[in-house]
Amino acid sequence: MNIGDRLPDVLGIDQDGREITLASLKGQKFILYTYPKDNTSGCTAEACSLKEHYADLQAAGYTVIGVSKDSVASHQKFREKYDLPFPLIADTETTLLQTIGAWGEKVFCGKHTVGTLRTTFLVDENGVVEHVFLPKQIKTKIHAEQILAEVNK
């Protein structure tokens, strides 16, 4: 996904089994962030950063939606454990992740694997991407602050 691209009409199923679609988000700006795995240090830091600044993000006109390939049950536990105020899409088949370009090869400690590429999309009221934070740009502990700096430019 690049700036100016429109997200797919169906984003996926959240932790409560609800389908999230662009139609259900019509008229709302949102942050779609992809992350590798529930309950890992970086992913928890990123989710907690977004939670801590959720009111500020909402005041800036955005809601937040997370996506990983973890299951609905995993997302339920993760969301509950950290009291996250936003939905988490369970993309177990990686359909959305692949469609938006957040699935691919990564290198960690010299080891090549295929998985979720930590990426964040700022999306307008019509489902069109306004800004993309690429994996190397994201600082998990202060990611909400990075987003706020971008939207407040």
N, C-alpha and C. Protein backbone atom coordinates (compact mmCIF):
# COMPACT_ATOMS: atom_id res chain seq x y z
N MET A 1 0.84 -1.19 0.00
CA MET A 1 0.00 0.00 0.00
C MET A 1 0.88 1.24 0.00
N ASN A 2 0.48 2.15 -0.82
CA ASN A 2 1.19 3.42 -0.91
C ASN A 2 0.21 4.55 -0.63
N ILE A 3 0.74 5.73 -0.41
CA ILE A 3 -0.11 6.90 -0.22
C ILE A 3 -1.00 7.05 -1.45
N GLY A 4 -2.29 7.25 -1.20
CA GLY A 4 -3.27 7.38 -2.28
C GLY A 4 -3.99 6.09 -2.62
N ASP A 5 -3.48 4.94 -2.13
CA ASP A 5 -4.16 3.66 -2.37
C ASP A 5 -5.33 3.51 -1.40
N ARG A 6 -6.36 2.78 -1.85
CA ARG A 6 -7.52 2.53 -1.00
C ARG A 6 -7.40 1.12 -0.41
N LEU A 7 -7.70 1.01 0.86
CA LEU A 7 -7.67 -0.28 1.53
C LEU A 7 -8.79 -1.18 0.99
N PRO A 8 -8.65 -2.49 1.17
CA PRO A 8 -9.74 -3.39 0.74
C PRO A 8 -11.01 -3.11 1.54
N ASP A 9 -12.15 -3.43 0.95
CA ASP A 9 -13.44 -3.17 1.59
C ASP A 9 -13.62 -3.93 2.90
N VAL A 10 -13.10 -5.16 2.96
CA VAL A 10 -13.20 -5.96 4.19
C VAL A 10 -11.80 -6.06 4.80
N LEU A 11 -11.68 -5.58 6.05
CA LEU A 11 -10.39 -5.63 6.73
C LEU A 11 -10.22 -6.94 7.48
N GLY A 12 -11.28 -7.44 8.11
CA GLY A 12 -11.18 -8.72 8.80
C GLY A 12 -12.08 -8.81 10.01
N ILE A 13 -11.84 -9.84 10.81
CA ILE A 13 -12.63 -10.14 12.01
C ILE A 13 -11.82 -9.74 13.24
N ASP A 14 -12.48 -9.02 14.16
CA ASP A 14 -11.77 -8.60 15.37
C ASP A 14 -11.86 -9.64 16.48
N GLN A 15 -11.33 -9.29 17.64
CA GLN A 15 -11.25 -10.20 18.79
C GLN A 15 -12.61 -10.66 19.29
N ASP A 16 -13.67 -9.95 18.94
CA ASP A 16 -15.02 -10.32 19.36
C ASP A 16 -15.81 -10.99 18.25
N GLY A 17 -15.14 -11.29 17.13
CA GLY A 17 -15.81 -11.95 16.02
C GLY A 17 -16.59 -11.01 15.12
N ARG A 18 -16.43 -9.70 15.30
CA ARG A 18 -17.11 -8.71 14.47
C ARG A 18 -16.28 -8.42 13.22
N GLU A 19 -16.98 -8.32 12.09
CA GLU A 19 -16.30 -7.98 10.85
C GLU A 19 -16.06 -6.47 10.79
N ILE A 20 -14.85 -6.09 10.48
CA ILE A 20 -14.51 -4.67 10.32
C ILE A 20 -14.35 -4.41 8.83
N THR A 21 -15.16 -3.46 8.34
CA THR A 21 -15.14 -3.11 6.93
C THR A 21 -14.95 -1.60 6.78
N LEU A 22 -14.60 -1.19 5.58
CA LEU A 22 -14.51 0.26 5.34
C LEU A 22 -15.87 0.90 5.50
N ALA A 23 -16.92 0.19 5.13
CA ALA A 23 -18.28 0.74 5.29
C ALA A 23 -18.58 1.01 6.76
N SER A 24 -18.12 0.13 7.65
CA SER A 24 -18.38 0.32 9.08
C SER A 24 -17.54 1.48 9.65
N LEU A 25 -16.51 1.87 8.91
CA LEU A 25 -15.63 2.96 9.34
C LEU A 25 -15.86 4.25 8.54
N LYS A 26 -16.86 4.22 7.66
CA LYS A 26 -17.10 5.36 6.76
C LYS A 26 -17.20 6.67 7.55
N GLY A 27 -16.48 7.65 7.06
CA GLY A 27 -16.50 8.96 7.70
C GLY A 27 -15.54 9.08 8.86
N GLN A 28 -14.78 8.02 9.14
CA GLN A 28 -13.83 8.01 10.25
C GLN A 28 -12.41 7.87 9.74
N LYS A 29 -11.51 8.69 10.25
CA LYS A 29 -10.09 8.47 9.98
C LYS A 29 -9.62 7.38 10.95
N PHE A 30 -8.68 6.57 10.51
CA PHE A 30 -8.16 5.56 11.43
C PHE A 30 -6.70 5.23 11.17
N ILE A 31 -6.12 4.65 12.19
CA ILE A 31 -4.75 4.19 12.16
C ILE A 31 -4.83 2.67 12.09
N LEU A 32 -4.27 2.09 11.05
CA LEU A 32 -4.21 0.64 10.92
C LEU A 32 -2.76 0.25 11.13
N TYR A 33 -2.50 -0.42 12.25
CA TYR A 33 -1.12 -0.81 12.51
C TYR A 33 -0.99 -2.32 12.53
N THR A 34 0.06 -2.81 11.88
CA THR A 34 0.31 -4.24 11.82
C THR A 34 1.49 -4.57 12.72
N TYR A 35 1.39 -5.68 13.39
CA TYR A 35 2.44 -6.07 14.33
C TYR A 35 2.60 -7.58 14.29
N PRO A 36 3.80 -8.07 14.62
CA PRO A 36 4.08 -9.51 14.47
C PRO A 36 3.33 -10.45 15.42
N LYS A 37 3.29 -10.15 16.73
CA LYS A 37 2.75 -11.17 17.64
C LYS A 37 2.30 -10.58 18.97
N ASP A 38 1.14 -11.04 19.44
CA ASP A 38 0.64 -10.64 20.76
C ASP A 38 1.64 -11.04 21.84
N ASN A 39 1.70 -10.24 22.88
CA ASN A 39 2.47 -10.55 24.09
C ASN A 39 3.97 -10.70 23.89
N THR A 40 4.52 -10.05 22.87
CA THR A 40 5.97 -9.98 22.73
C THR A 40 6.39 -8.57 23.15
N SER A 41 7.63 -8.40 23.49
CA SER A 41 8.05 -7.12 24.09
C SER A 41 7.79 -5.92 23.18
N GLY A 42 8.22 -5.96 21.94
CA GLY A 42 8.03 -4.83 21.03
C GLY A 42 6.57 -4.56 20.72
N CYS A 43 5.82 -5.63 20.50
CA CYS A 43 4.40 -5.48 20.15
C CYS A 43 3.60 -4.97 21.34
N THR A 44 3.96 -5.41 22.53
CA THR A 44 3.29 -4.92 23.74
C THR A 44 3.63 -3.44 23.96
N ALA A 45 4.89 -3.08 23.76
CA ALA A 45 5.29 -1.67 23.92
C ALA A 45 4.53 -0.78 22.93
N GLU A 46 4.39 -1.24 21.70
CA GLU A 46 3.68 -0.45 20.69
C GLU A 46 2.21 -0.31 21.06
N ALA A 47 1.57 -1.42 21.43
CA ALA A 47 0.14 -1.38 21.80
C ALA A 47 -0.08 -0.48 23.00
N CYS A 48 0.81 -0.55 23.97
CA CYS A 48 0.66 0.27 25.18
C CYS A 48 0.91 1.75 24.87
N SER A 49 1.81 2.05 23.94
CA SER A 49 2.02 3.43 23.52
C SER A 49 0.74 3.98 22.90
N LEU A 50 0.11 3.18 22.05
CA LEU A 50 -1.14 3.61 21.41
C LEU A 50 -2.26 3.74 22.43
N LYS A 51 -2.29 2.85 23.41
CA LYS A 51 -3.30 2.93 24.47
C LYS A 51 -3.11 4.20 25.31
N GLU A 52 -1.86 4.46 25.72
CA GLU A 52 -1.57 5.61 26.57
C GLU A 52 -1.92 6.94 25.90
N HIS A 53 -1.85 6.98 24.59
CA HIS A 53 -2.12 8.22 23.86
C HIS A 53 -3.42 8.13 23.06
N TYR A 54 -4.26 7.16 23.41
CA TYR A 54 -5.50 6.93 22.65
C TYR A 54 -6.39 8.17 22.64
N ALA A 55 -6.55 8.82 23.77
CA ALA A 55 -7.39 10.03 23.84
C ALA A 55 -6.83 11.13 22.92
N ASP A 56 -5.50 11.26 22.89
CA ASP A 56 -4.88 12.26 22.02
C ASP A 56 -5.09 11.91 20.54
N LEU A 57 -4.99 10.62 20.22
CA LEU A 57 -5.21 10.18 18.84
C LEU A 57 -6.65 10.43 18.43
N GLN A 58 -7.58 10.16 19.35
CA GLN A 58 -9.00 10.43 19.07
C GLN A 58 -9.24 11.93 18.91
N ALA A 59 -8.61 12.73 19.75
CA ALA A 59 -8.76 14.19 19.66
C ALA A 59 -8.23 14.70 18.31
N ALA A 60 -7.24 14.00 17.76
CA ALA A 60 -6.70 14.35 16.44
C ALA A 60 -7.58 13.81 15.31
N GLY A 61 -8.64 13.09 15.68
CA GLY A 61 -9.60 12.62 14.69
C GLY A 61 -9.44 11.18 14.25
N TYR A 62 -8.61 10.41 14.95
CA TYR A 62 -8.32 9.03 14.54
C TYR A 62 -8.77 8.00 15.58
N THR A 63 -9.22 6.87 15.06
CA THR A 63 -9.41 5.69 15.88
C THR A 63 -8.26 4.74 15.53
N VAL A 64 -8.09 3.67 16.28
CA VAL A 64 -6.96 2.76 16.09
C VAL A 64 -7.48 1.34 15.86
N ILE A 65 -6.83 0.63 14.94
CA ILE A 65 -7.12 -0.78 14.70
C ILE A 65 -5.79 -1.50 14.53
N GLY A 66 -5.60 -2.57 15.28
CA GLY A 66 -4.40 -3.38 15.16
C GLY A 66 -4.66 -4.62 14.34
N VAL A 67 -3.61 -5.16 13.71
CA VAL A 67 -3.73 -6.38 12.90
C VAL A 67 -2.49 -7.24 13.10
N SER A 68 -2.73 -8.53 13.40
CA SER A 68 -1.65 -9.51 13.35
C SER A 68 -2.26 -10.84 12.93
N LYS A 69 -1.41 -11.84 12.73
CA LYS A 69 -1.92 -13.14 12.31
C LYS A 69 -2.33 -14.00 13.50
N ASP A 70 -2.28 -13.46 14.70
CA ASP A 70 -2.72 -14.20 15.88
C ASP A 70 -4.22 -14.47 15.82
N SER A 71 -4.66 -15.46 16.58
CA SER A 71 -6.06 -15.87 16.59
C SER A 71 -6.95 -14.90 17.36
N VAL A 72 -8.25 -15.07 17.18
CA VAL A 72 -9.24 -14.29 17.93
C VAL A 72 -9.00 -14.48 19.43
N ALA A 73 -8.80 -15.73 19.87
CA ALA A 73 -8.59 -16.01 21.30
C ALA A 73 -7.34 -15.32 21.82
N SER A 74 -6.26 -15.34 21.05
CA SER A 74 -5.02 -14.67 21.46
C SER A 74 -5.26 -13.17 21.58
N HIS A 75 -5.97 -12.59 20.62
CA HIS A 75 -6.26 -11.15 20.66
C HIS A 75 -7.14 -10.80 21.86
N GLN A 76 -8.10 -11.66 22.18
CA GLN A 76 -8.97 -11.41 23.34
C GLN A 76 -8.12 -11.31 24.60
N LYS A 77 -7.21 -12.26 24.78
CA LYS A 77 -6.35 -12.28 25.99
C LYS A 77 -5.42 -11.08 26.01
N PHE A 78 -4.79 -10.78 24.88
CA PHE A 78 -3.85 -9.66 24.79
C PHE A 78 -4.56 -8.34 25.09
N ARG A 79 -5.72 -8.16 24.49
CA ARG A 79 -6.49 -6.93 24.67
C ARG A 79 -6.92 -6.78 26.14
N GLU A 80 -7.36 -7.87 26.72
CA GLU A 80 -7.80 -7.85 28.11
C GLU A 80 -6.64 -7.61 29.07
N LYS A 81 -5.53 -8.31 28.85
CA LYS A 81 -4.36 -8.21 29.72
C LYS A 81 -3.85 -6.76 29.82
N TYR A 82 -3.86 -6.06 28.68
CA TYR A 82 -3.32 -4.69 28.64
C TYR A 82 -4.41 -3.63 28.56
N ASP A 83 -5.67 -4.03 28.69
CA ASP A 83 -6.81 -3.12 28.68
C ASP A 83 -6.77 -2.19 27.45
N LEU A 84 -6.58 -2.79 26.30
CA LEU A 84 -6.49 -2.02 25.06
C LEU A 84 -7.88 -1.55 24.64
N PRO A 85 -8.04 -0.27 24.32
CA PRO A 85 -9.35 0.28 23.99
C PRO A 85 -9.73 0.18 22.51
N PHE A 86 -8.92 -0.49 21.72
CA PHE A 86 -9.17 -0.56 20.28
C PHE A 86 -9.19 -2.02 19.82
N PRO A 87 -9.85 -2.26 18.68
CA PRO A 87 -9.98 -3.63 18.18
C PRO A 87 -8.68 -4.16 17.57
N LEU A 88 -8.56 -5.49 17.59
CA LEU A 88 -7.42 -6.18 17.00
C LEU A 88 -7.97 -7.19 15.99
N ILE A 89 -7.57 -7.06 14.74
CA ILE A 89 -8.02 -7.97 13.69
C ILE A 89 -7.16 -9.23 13.70
N ALA A 90 -7.83 -10.38 13.69
CA ALA A 90 -7.16 -11.68 13.65
C ALA A 90 -7.06 -12.11 12.18
N ASP A 91 -5.93 -11.82 11.56
CA ASP A 91 -5.71 -12.14 10.15
C ASP A 91 -4.93 -13.45 10.05
N THR A 92 -5.53 -14.52 10.52
CA THR A 92 -4.83 -15.81 10.63
C THR A 92 -4.36 -16.37 9.30
N GLU A 93 -5.03 -16.01 8.22
CA GLU A 93 -4.63 -16.48 6.88
C GLU A 93 -3.71 -15.47 6.19
N THR A 94 -3.40 -14.38 6.85
CA THR A 94 -2.55 -13.29 6.36
C THR A 94 -3.07 -12.63 5.08
N THR A 95 -4.36 -12.72 4.84
CA THR A 95 -4.96 -12.15 3.63
C THR A 95 -4.78 -10.64 3.59
N LEU A 96 -5.18 -9.95 4.66
CA LEU A 96 -5.05 -8.49 4.71
C LEU A 96 -3.58 -8.10 4.74
N LEU A 97 -2.80 -8.77 5.58
CA LEU A 97 -1.37 -8.44 5.69
C LEU A 97 -0.69 -8.50 4.33
N GLN A 98 -0.98 -9.54 3.56
CA GLN A 98 -0.38 -9.65 2.23
C GLN A 98 -0.90 -8.57 1.28
N THR A 99 -2.20 -8.31 1.33
CA THR A 99 -2.81 -7.32 0.43
C THR A 99 -2.22 -5.93 0.65
N ILE A 100 -1.97 -5.58 1.91
CA ILE A 100 -1.47 -4.22 2.19
C ILE A 100 0.05 -4.14 2.22
N GLY A 101 0.72 -5.25 1.90
CA GLY A 101 2.19 -5.23 1.82
C GLY A 101 2.88 -5.29 3.16
N ALA A 102 2.20 -5.82 4.18
CA ALA A 102 2.80 -5.92 5.51
C ALA A 102 3.16 -7.36 5.86
N TRP A 103 3.42 -8.17 4.85
CA TRP A 103 3.83 -9.55 5.02
C TRP A 103 5.00 -9.78 4.07
N GLY A 104 6.10 -10.30 4.60
CA GLY A 104 7.24 -10.53 3.73
C GLY A 104 8.45 -11.02 4.48
N GLU A 105 9.57 -11.00 3.78
CA GLU A 105 10.81 -11.50 4.37
C GLU A 105 11.40 -10.46 5.31
N LYS A 106 11.89 -10.95 6.44
CA LYS A 106 12.58 -10.11 7.41
C LYS A 106 13.84 -10.82 7.84
N VAL A 107 14.78 -10.03 8.33
CA VAL A 107 16.04 -10.59 8.81
C VAL A 107 16.22 -10.15 10.26
N PHE A 108 16.42 -11.13 11.14
CA PHE A 108 16.65 -10.85 12.55
C PHE A 108 17.84 -11.67 13.00
N CYS A 109 18.88 -10.99 13.47
CA CYS A 109 20.12 -11.66 13.91
C CYS A 109 20.67 -12.56 12.81
N GLY A 110 20.59 -12.09 11.57
CA GLY A 110 21.12 -12.84 10.45
C GLY A 110 20.22 -13.96 9.94
N LYS A 111 19.10 -14.19 10.61
CA LYS A 111 18.20 -15.26 10.21
C LYS A 111 17.07 -14.68 9.35
N HIS A 112 16.84 -15.29 8.20
CA HIS A 112 15.78 -14.85 7.29
C HIS A 112 14.50 -15.63 7.60
N THR A 113 13.41 -14.89 7.78
CA THR A 113 12.10 -15.50 8.01
C THR A 113 11.06 -14.73 7.20
N VAL A 114 9.87 -15.29 7.11
CA VAL A 114 8.75 -14.60 6.48
C VAL A 114 7.72 -14.36 7.57
N GLY A 115 7.22 -13.14 7.64
CA GLY A 115 6.25 -12.82 8.67
C GLY A 115 5.70 -11.42 8.51
N THR A 116 5.05 -10.95 9.56
CA THR A 116 4.44 -9.62 9.55
C THR A 116 5.51 -8.55 9.63
N LEU A 117 5.41 -7.58 8.76
CA LEU A 117 6.30 -6.43 8.76
C LEU A 117 5.59 -5.31 9.52
N ARG A 118 6.16 -4.91 10.62
CA ARG A 118 5.56 -3.86 11.45
C ARG A 118 5.40 -2.60 10.59
N THR A 119 4.15 -2.22 10.35
CA THR A 119 3.84 -1.11 9.46
C THR A 119 2.61 -0.38 10.01
N THR A 120 2.55 0.92 9.82
CA THR A 120 1.38 1.68 10.26
C THR A 120 0.89 2.56 9.11
N PHE A 121 -0.42 2.52 8.90
CA PHE A 121 -1.06 3.30 7.85
C PHE A 121 -2.01 4.31 8.50
N LEU A 122 -1.90 5.56 8.11
CA LEU A 122 -2.87 6.58 8.49
C LEU A 122 -3.85 6.65 7.33
N VAL A 123 -5.14 6.45 7.64
CA VAL A 123 -6.15 6.28 6.60
C VAL A 123 -7.23 7.35 6.76
N ASP A 124 -7.64 7.94 5.63
CA ASP A 124 -8.66 9.00 5.68
C ASP A 124 -10.08 8.42 5.78
N GLU A 125 -11.05 9.31 5.78
CA GLU A 125 -12.46 8.94 5.96
C GLU A 125 -13.01 8.05 4.86
N ASN A 126 -12.32 7.98 3.73
CA ASN A 126 -12.78 7.18 2.59
C ASN A 126 -11.97 5.90 2.41
N GLY A 127 -11.11 5.58 3.38
CA GLY A 127 -10.32 4.36 3.28
C GLY A 127 -9.07 4.49 2.44
N VAL A 128 -8.64 5.73 2.20
CA VAL A 128 -7.45 5.99 1.38
C VAL A 128 -6.25 6.28 2.29
N VAL A 129 -5.13 5.65 1.97
CA VAL A 129 -3.91 5.81 2.78
C VAL A 129 -3.35 7.22 2.60
N GLU A 130 -3.15 7.89 3.75
CA GLU A 130 -2.59 9.25 3.76
C GLU A 130 -1.10 9.26 4.08
N HIS A 131 -0.67 8.29 4.89
CA HIS A 131 0.73 8.23 5.32
C HIS A 131 1.07 6.80 5.69
N VAL A 132 2.33 6.41 5.48
CA VAL A 132 2.78 5.06 5.84
C VAL A 132 4.06 5.18 6.68
N PHE A 133 4.05 4.51 7.83
CA PHE A 133 5.25 4.35 8.64
C PHE A 133 5.80 2.96 8.31
N LEU A 134 6.99 2.89 7.78
CA LEU A 134 7.61 1.62 7.42
C LEU A 134 8.31 1.01 8.63
N PRO A 135 8.60 -0.29 8.57
CA PRO A 135 9.18 -0.98 9.74
C PRO A 135 10.38 -0.29 10.38
N LYS A 136 11.32 0.19 9.59
CA LYS A 136 12.53 0.81 10.16
C LYS A 136 12.27 2.18 10.78
N GLN A 137 11.10 2.77 10.48
CA GLN A 137 10.76 4.08 11.03
C GLN A 137 10.07 3.98 12.39
N ILE A 138 9.49 2.85 12.69
CA ILE A 138 8.67 2.71 13.88
C ILE A 138 9.51 2.43 15.12
N LYS A 139 9.30 3.28 16.13
CA LYS A 139 9.91 3.09 17.45
C LYS A 139 8.78 2.68 18.37
N THR A 140 8.73 1.41 18.74
CA THR A 140 7.56 0.85 19.41
C THR A 140 7.17 1.58 20.69
N LYS A 141 8.14 1.98 21.50
CA LYS A 141 7.82 2.60 22.79
C LYS A 141 7.22 3.98 22.66
N ILE A 142 7.47 4.65 21.54
CA ILE A 142 6.95 6.01 21.35
C ILE A 142 6.17 6.15 20.04
N HIS A 143 5.62 5.03 19.57
CA HIS A 143 4.97 5.07 18.25
C HIS A 143 3.78 6.02 18.21
N ALA A 144 2.99 6.08 19.25
CA ALA A 144 1.85 7.01 19.25
C ALA A 144 2.34 8.45 19.12
N GLU A 145 3.45 8.77 19.75
CA GLU A 145 4.01 10.11 19.65
C GLU A 145 4.48 10.40 18.23
N GLN A 146 5.04 9.37 17.57
CA GLN A 146 5.43 9.53 16.16
C GLN A 146 4.21 9.85 15.30
N ILE A 147 3.14 9.12 15.54
CA ILE A 147 1.90 9.33 14.78
C ILE A 147 1.35 10.72 15.04
N LEU A 148 1.31 11.12 16.30
CA LEU A 148 0.78 12.45 16.64
C LEU A 148 1.61 13.56 16.01
N ALA A 149 2.93 13.38 15.96
CA ALA A 149 3.79 14.37 15.33
C ALA A 149 3.44 14.49 13.84
N GLU A 150 3.14 13.37 13.20
CA GLU A 150 2.78 13.38 11.78
C GLU A 150 1.41 14.04 11.55
N VAL A 151 0.42 13.67 12.34
CA VAL A 151 -0.93 14.20 12.10
C VAL A 151 -1.07 15.66 12.52
N ASN A 152 -0.17 16.12 13.38
CA ASN A 152 -0.22 17.52 13.83
C ASN A 152 0.69 18.44 13.03
N LYS A 153 1.25 17.95 11.93
CA LYS A 153 2.14 18.77 11.08
C LYS A 153 1.37 19.93 10.48
